[in-house]
């Protein structure tokens, strides 16, 4: 499954992730930030970045505002050998999401902006771009939030086009878009967390391997594989043949610096594993290892072989 195939990440809700670090902050304060970072992001681009950490190449596609597209390309230039930029530029500026980190009191505040780039016209523009770069040897990874208005119908039509071109589709979104797009029957893999799975199914799913596997079975009429993130308990992948689950057994030996983006790195590890081996078992192991490394802040410092030495992951099969 997906072995040797080209990976293309597609995002309709890109952003700039701006993080300000401040040593102590209260309402009404006027303080200078100790440091500030600004990186091009959005879940789809985060997946490409996570793949790059594993030395797996990908093409980053989807929407980006023409006002700041040059800045985005410049920021990603150091990863140009692993991330090929094929974003569709549309009129406007890419939104900014701001995180304020109070380093003294160990707390954060997240301020998000609305996505003004996604509409029916821009979705069609993305479709035109994708048609020039996809074929039967391609996996399109649609990740991130999606519009719920009439633009969603355009995305559903895009999925039909991608499928007609012979490409596989991986979907990581939530809510109404997830329900609508799974119903098309065009999706090969979905990657919800437990809450998103429950929302998709319209019921609460207990966090046990048996309960998750049972709950997922009806979805396998529409999709081939469901990868469910379980947070600290790892992840489980369910297919028509059975399930594979994995978890880190030495969590207490690491220091969790942030869980932001761990879901994106989980999916990146899963895709990298499938691209390299085609086997679900090794893909789930790599997914949990990579997500744990992200939580521990190790992903940018360690190659995968060293990650495996620092992070102990066990897998269990049920075939």
Protein backbone atom coordinates (compact mmCIF):
# COMPACT_ATOMS: atom_id res chain seq x y z
CA UNK A 1 0.00 0.00 0.00
CA UNK A 2 1.51 3.31 -1.22
CA UNK A 3 4.97 1.74 -1.50
CA UNK A 4 7.20 3.90 -3.66
CA UNK A 5 4.43 6.36 -4.49
CA UNK A 6 4.86 10.13 -4.64
CA UNK A 7 3.28 12.05 -1.75
CA UNK A 8 1.49 15.35 -2.37
CA UNK A 9 0.07 17.27 0.60
CA UNK A 10 -2.87 19.56 -0.13
CA UNK A 11 -4.15 22.26 2.23
CA UNK A 12 -7.08 24.65 1.87
CA UNK A 13 -6.42 26.47 5.15
CA UNK A 14 -2.75 27.50 5.22
CA UNK A 15 -1.42 29.91 7.79
CA UNK A 16 1.58 31.58 9.31
CA UNK A 17 2.21 30.26 12.80
CA UNK A 18 3.51 33.19 14.84
CA UNK A 19 4.75 32.43 18.36
CA UNK A 20 5.73 35.09 20.89
CA UNK A 21 7.63 34.04 24.03
CA UNK A 22 7.23 36.34 27.05
CA UNK A 23 8.66 35.96 30.54
CA UNK A 24 5.53 36.58 32.60
CA UNK A 25 2.36 38.25 31.33
CA UNK A 26 -0.86 39.63 32.82
CA UNK A 27 -3.82 41.42 31.29
CA UNK A 28 -3.02 45.08 30.66
CA UNK A 29 0.74 44.54 30.50
CA UNK A 30 2.90 46.24 27.88
CA UNK A 31 5.95 44.00 27.52
CA UNK A 32 8.60 43.24 24.97
CA UNK A 33 8.64 39.65 23.70
CA UNK A 34 11.80 37.74 24.58
CA UNK A 35 11.69 36.08 21.17
CA UNK A 36 9.35 35.61 18.23
CA UNK A 37 9.06 33.01 15.48
CA UNK A 38 7.04 33.03 12.27
CA UNK A 39 6.81 29.90 10.11
CA UNK A 40 4.62 28.91 7.16
CA UNK A 41 2.25 26.22 8.37
CA UNK A 42 -1.20 24.71 8.25
CA UNK A 43 -1.72 20.96 8.77
CA UNK A 44 -0.88 19.99 5.20
CA UNK A 45 2.42 21.84 5.20
CA UNK A 46 3.15 20.45 8.67
CA UNK A 47 2.76 16.93 7.23
CA UNK A 48 5.27 17.79 4.48
CA UNK A 49 7.64 19.15 7.12
CA UNK A 50 7.18 15.98 9.19
CA UNK A 51 7.93 13.84 6.13
CA UNK A 52 11.07 15.88 5.51
CA UNK A 53 12.26 15.14 9.05
CA UNK A 54 12.10 11.47 8.06
CA UNK A 55 13.95 12.15 4.78
CA UNK A 56 10.78 11.38 2.81
CA UNK A 57 10.20 13.74 -0.10
CA UNK A 58 6.83 15.32 -0.83
CA UNK A 59 5.20 18.03 -2.90
CA UNK A 60 3.36 20.75 -0.97
CA UNK A 61 0.24 21.92 -2.81
CA UNK A 62 -3.05 23.64 -2.05
CA UNK A 63 -3.72 27.32 -1.47
CA UNK A 64 -1.41 30.19 -0.54
CA UNK A 65 -1.93 33.93 -0.67
CA UNK A 66 -0.05 35.76 -3.41
CA UNK A 67 0.84 38.59 -1.00
CA UNK A 68 3.23 36.41 0.99
CA UNK A 69 3.94 33.40 -1.25
CA UNK A 70 7.51 34.55 -1.97
CA UNK A 71 8.20 34.78 1.76
CA UNK A 72 6.85 31.24 2.25
CA UNK A 73 9.12 29.83 -0.47
CA UNK A 74 12.13 31.60 1.05
CA UNK A 75 11.34 30.22 4.52
CA UNK A 76 11.20 26.66 3.15
CA UNK A 77 14.29 26.96 0.94
CA UNK A 78 16.42 24.93 3.37
CA UNK A 79 14.09 21.97 2.76
CA UNK A 80 13.90 22.39 -1.02
CA UNK A 81 15.45 18.97 -1.66
CA UNK A 82 12.64 17.30 0.29
CA UNK A 83 9.67 19.65 -0.16
CA UNK A 84 8.75 20.74 -3.68
CA UNK A 85 6.46 23.80 -3.63
CA UNK A 86 3.47 23.65 -5.98
CA UNK A 87 0.97 25.83 -4.12
CA UNK A 88 -1.75 27.57 -6.10
CA UNK A 89 -1.39 31.29 -5.49
CA UNK A 90 -4.65 33.16 -5.03
CA UNK A 91 -5.37 36.81 -4.38
CA UNK A 92 -4.93 37.89 -0.77
CA UNK A 93 -2.76 37.33 2.27
CA UNK A 94 -2.40 34.03 4.09
CA UNK A 95 -3.96 34.14 7.56
CA UNK A 96 -1.91 34.42 10.73
CA UNK A 97 -2.36 32.31 13.84
CA UNK A 98 -0.72 33.76 16.95
CA UNK A 99 0.42 31.82 20.01
CA UNK A 100 1.55 33.73 23.10
CA UNK A 101 3.69 31.66 25.44
CA UNK A 102 4.14 32.85 29.02
CA UNK A 103 7.39 31.07 29.86
CA UNK A 104 7.36 32.08 33.54
CA UNK A 105 3.87 30.79 34.31
CA UNK A 106 3.91 27.90 31.80
CA UNK A 107 0.74 28.86 29.97
CA UNK A 108 -0.29 29.67 26.42
CA UNK A 109 -2.91 31.68 24.55
CA UNK A 110 -3.90 30.87 20.95
CA UNK A 111 -5.43 33.47 18.62
CA UNK A 112 -6.63 32.23 15.23
CA UNK A 113 -7.67 34.14 12.15
CA UNK A 114 -10.39 33.20 9.63
CA UNK A 115 -9.39 31.61 6.35
CA UNK A 116 -10.30 33.95 3.50
CA UNK A 117 -8.56 32.06 0.69
CA UNK A 118 -10.83 29.03 0.30
CA UNK A 119 -13.86 29.37 -1.97
CA UNK A 120 -15.31 27.51 -4.95
CA UNK A 121 -13.16 29.47 -7.40
CA UNK A 122 -9.91 28.82 -5.55
CA UNK A 123 -10.76 25.12 -5.13
CA UNK A 124 -11.16 24.85 -8.90
CA UNK A 125 -7.78 26.55 -9.30
CA UNK A 126 -6.20 23.92 -7.03
CA UNK A 127 -7.87 21.20 -9.10
CA UNK A 128 -6.24 22.58 -12.26
CA UNK A 129 -2.83 22.50 -10.57
CA UNK A 130 -3.27 18.96 -9.26
CA UNK A 131 -4.33 17.60 -12.64
CA UNK A 132 -0.88 18.52 -13.96
CA UNK A 133 1.04 16.62 -11.27
CA UNK A 134 -0.99 13.55 -10.27
CA UNK A 135 -1.34 10.07 -11.74
CA UNK A 136 -1.71 6.47 -10.59
CA UNK A 137 1.64 6.66 -8.79
CA UNK A 138 0.50 9.55 -6.57
CA UNK A 139 -1.00 9.83 -3.09
CA UNK A 140 -2.82 13.11 -2.38
CA UNK A 141 -2.92 13.93 1.33
CA UNK A 142 -5.69 16.43 2.06
CA UNK A 143 -5.10 17.75 5.56
CA UNK A 144 -6.51 20.56 7.68
CA UNK A 145 -9.78 22.39 8.12
CA UNK A 146 -12.04 22.83 5.11
CA UNK A 147 -14.94 25.15 4.30
CA UNK A 148 -18.45 23.95 5.10
CA UNK A 149 -20.30 26.18 2.61
CA UNK A 150 -20.85 25.47 -1.09
CA UNK A 151 -17.07 25.26 -1.49
CA UNK A 152 -17.26 21.82 0.11
CA UNK A 153 -19.20 20.56 -2.92
CA UNK A 154 -16.34 21.80 -5.11
CA UNK A 155 -13.87 19.86 -2.96
CA UNK A 156 -16.02 16.72 -3.29
CA UNK A 157 -15.88 17.16 -7.07
CA UNK A 158 -12.11 17.62 -6.81
CA UNK A 159 -11.89 14.29 -5.01
CA UNK A 160 -13.70 12.62 -7.91
CA UNK A 161 -11.18 14.16 -10.32
CA UNK A 162 -8.24 12.95 -8.23
CA UNK A 163 -9.71 9.45 -8.10
CA UNK A 164 -10.34 9.47 -11.87
CA UNK A 165 -6.66 10.31 -12.42
CA UNK A 166 -5.77 7.11 -10.55
CA UNK A 167 -4.33 8.79 -7.45
CA UNK A 168 -5.02 7.62 -3.89
CA UNK A 169 -6.54 10.00 -1.34
CA UNK A 170 -5.62 10.36 2.33
CA UNK A 171 -7.89 12.63 4.37
CA UNK A 172 -7.17 14.29 7.72
CA UNK A 173 -9.95 16.72 8.59
CA UNK A 174 -12.97 16.77 10.89
CA UNK A 175 -16.66 17.64 11.29
CA UNK A 176 -18.96 18.10 8.31
CA UNK A 177 -16.15 17.99 5.71
CA UNK A 178 -14.98 14.62 7.01
CA UNK A 179 -18.51 13.20 6.93
CA UNK A 180 -19.22 14.58 3.46
CA UNK A 181 -15.95 13.50 1.86
CA UNK A 182 -15.90 10.00 3.36
CA UNK A 183 -19.38 9.47 1.89
CA UNK A 184 -17.99 9.96 -1.64
CA UNK A 185 -16.19 6.61 -1.45
CA UNK A 186 -13.10 8.23 -2.98
CA UNK A 187 -10.94 8.17 0.16
CA UNK A 188 -8.41 5.40 0.87
CA UNK A 189 -7.21 6.47 4.34
CA UNK A 190 -8.62 8.71 7.07
CA UNK A 191 -6.72 9.81 10.16
CA UNK A 192 -9.06 11.01 12.94
CA UNK A 193 -8.36 11.29 16.64
CA UNK A 194 -10.80 9.58 18.97
CA UNK A 195 -13.11 12.60 19.32
CA UNK A 196 -13.19 13.13 15.55
CA UNK A 197 -13.98 9.45 15.04
CA UNK A 198 -16.87 9.71 17.49
CA UNK A 199 -18.19 12.78 15.70
CA UNK A 200 -17.95 10.99 12.36
CA UNK A 201 -19.88 8.01 13.70
CA UNK A 202 -22.34 10.05 15.77
CA UNK A 203 -21.48 8.28 19.02
CA UNK A 204 -18.86 8.14 21.75
CA UNK A 205 -16.17 5.54 21.11
CA UNK A 206 -14.48 4.05 24.21
CA UNK A 207 -10.70 4.29 24.13
CA UNK A 208 -9.91 0.60 23.92
CA UNK A 209 -8.52 -1.31 20.92
CA UNK A 210 -11.53 -3.65 20.80
CA UNK A 211 -14.06 -0.80 20.93
CA UNK A 212 -12.24 1.27 18.31
CA UNK A 213 -11.90 -1.70 15.95
CA UNK A 214 -15.59 -2.54 16.29
CA UNK A 215 -16.65 1.08 15.78
CA UNK A 216 -14.49 1.48 12.68
CA UNK A 217 -15.76 -1.60 10.83
CA UNK A 218 -18.76 0.12 9.15
CA UNK A 219 -16.40 2.80 7.77
CA UNK A 220 -14.40 0.14 5.93
CA UNK A 221 -17.22 -0.03 3.40
CA UNK A 222 -16.10 3.41 2.24
CA UNK A 223 -12.37 3.61 3.14
CA UNK A 224 -9.56 1.06 3.15
CA UNK A 225 -7.72 2.12 6.31
CA UNK A 226 -8.58 4.14 9.41
CA UNK A 227 -5.65 5.43 11.49
CA UNK A 228 -6.89 6.56 14.91
CA UNK A 229 -4.74 8.73 17.16
CA UNK A 230 -5.06 7.88 20.87
CA UNK A 231 -2.78 10.51 22.35
CA UNK A 232 -0.49 9.08 25.01
CA UNK A 233 -1.89 5.61 24.26
CA UNK A 234 -0.43 5.70 20.76
CA UNK A 235 -2.41 4.84 17.66
CA UNK A 236 -4.30 2.02 15.99
CA UNK A 237 -4.75 1.33 12.28
CA UNK A 238 -7.76 -0.72 11.23
CA UNK A 239 -8.19 -2.36 7.83
CA UNK A 240 -10.46 -5.03 6.41
CA UNK A 241 -7.84 -7.62 7.40
CA UNK A 242 -7.53 -6.61 11.05
CA UNK A 243 -5.72 -4.02 13.14
CA UNK A 244 -2.26 -2.93 14.25
CA UNK A 245 -1.72 -0.80 17.33
CA UNK A 246 1.40 0.79 18.73
CA UNK A 247 2.34 2.82 21.78
CA UNK A 248 5.41 4.27 23.43
CA UNK A 249 6.36 2.30 26.55
CA UNK A 250 8.95 4.71 27.96
CA UNK A 251 6.93 7.94 28.03
CA UNK A 252 8.15 8.72 31.54
CA UNK A 253 11.75 8.96 30.32
CA UNK A 254 10.97 11.90 28.04
CA UNK A 255 9.94 15.48 28.68
CA UNK A 256 6.84 16.59 26.77
CA UNK A 257 7.57 20.09 25.48
CA UNK A 258 4.43 20.49 23.35
CA UNK A 259 1.76 18.28 21.80
CA UNK A 260 0.95 20.82 19.07
CA UNK A 261 1.44 19.21 15.66
CA UNK A 262 1.80 15.68 17.01
CA UNK A 263 -1.18 14.51 14.95
CA UNK A 264 0.44 15.87 11.79
CA UNK A 265 3.69 14.08 12.59
CA UNK A 266 1.79 10.89 13.39
CA UNK A 267 0.31 10.98 9.89
CA UNK A 268 3.68 11.90 8.37
CA UNK A 269 5.32 8.91 10.05
CA UNK A 270 2.52 6.62 8.87
CA UNK A 271 2.83 7.83 5.27
CA UNK A 272 6.62 7.61 5.32
CA UNK A 273 6.38 4.04 6.58
CA UNK A 274 3.90 3.06 3.86
CA UNK A 275 6.00 4.75 1.16
CA UNK A 276 9.14 2.96 2.30
CA UNK A 277 7.79 -0.53 3.08
CA UNK A 278 4.14 -0.72 2.07
CA UNK A 279 3.44 -2.47 5.39
CA UNK A 280 0.85 -1.23 7.90
CA UNK A 281 2.76 -2.59 10.91
CA UNK A 282 5.99 -0.72 10.25
CA UNK A 283 4.00 2.39 9.29
CA UNK A 284 2.15 2.49 12.61
CA UNK A 285 5.39 1.98 14.54
CA UNK A 286 7.06 4.83 12.65
CA UNK A 287 3.98 7.02 13.16
CA UNK A 288 3.99 6.68 16.94
CA UNK A 289 7.77 7.06 17.15
CA UNK A 290 7.69 10.26 15.10
CA UNK A 291 4.73 11.75 17.01
CA UNK A 292 6.46 11.01 20.32
CA UNK A 293 9.66 12.63 19.08
CA UNK A 294 7.63 15.70 18.15
CA UNK A 295 6.08 15.83 21.63
CA UNK A 296 9.53 15.55 23.20
CA UNK A 297 11.01 18.20 20.89
CA UNK A 298 13.46 15.70 19.36
CA UNK A 299 12.20 15.52 15.79
CA UNK A 300 14.50 18.22 14.41
CA UNK A 301 17.62 16.86 16.12
CA UNK A 302 17.48 13.11 15.61
CA UNK A 303 17.35 10.96 12.51
CA UNK A 304 14.82 8.12 12.70
CA UNK A 305 17.35 5.47 13.70
CA UNK A 306 18.34 7.57 16.73
CA UNK A 307 14.68 8.29 17.52
CA UNK A 308 14.13 4.54 17.81
CA UNK A 309 16.96 4.29 20.34
CA UNK A 310 15.48 7.07 22.49
CA UNK A 311 11.84 6.02 22.11
CA UNK A 312 10.63 2.48 22.78
CA UNK A 313 7.51 1.59 20.77
CA UNK A 314 5.78 -1.76 20.81
CA UNK A 315 3.27 -2.96 18.21
CA UNK A 316 0.54 -5.57 18.50
CA UNK A 317 -1.27 -7.21 15.60
CA UNK A 318 -4.80 -8.58 15.41
CA UNK A 319 -5.19 -10.38 12.09
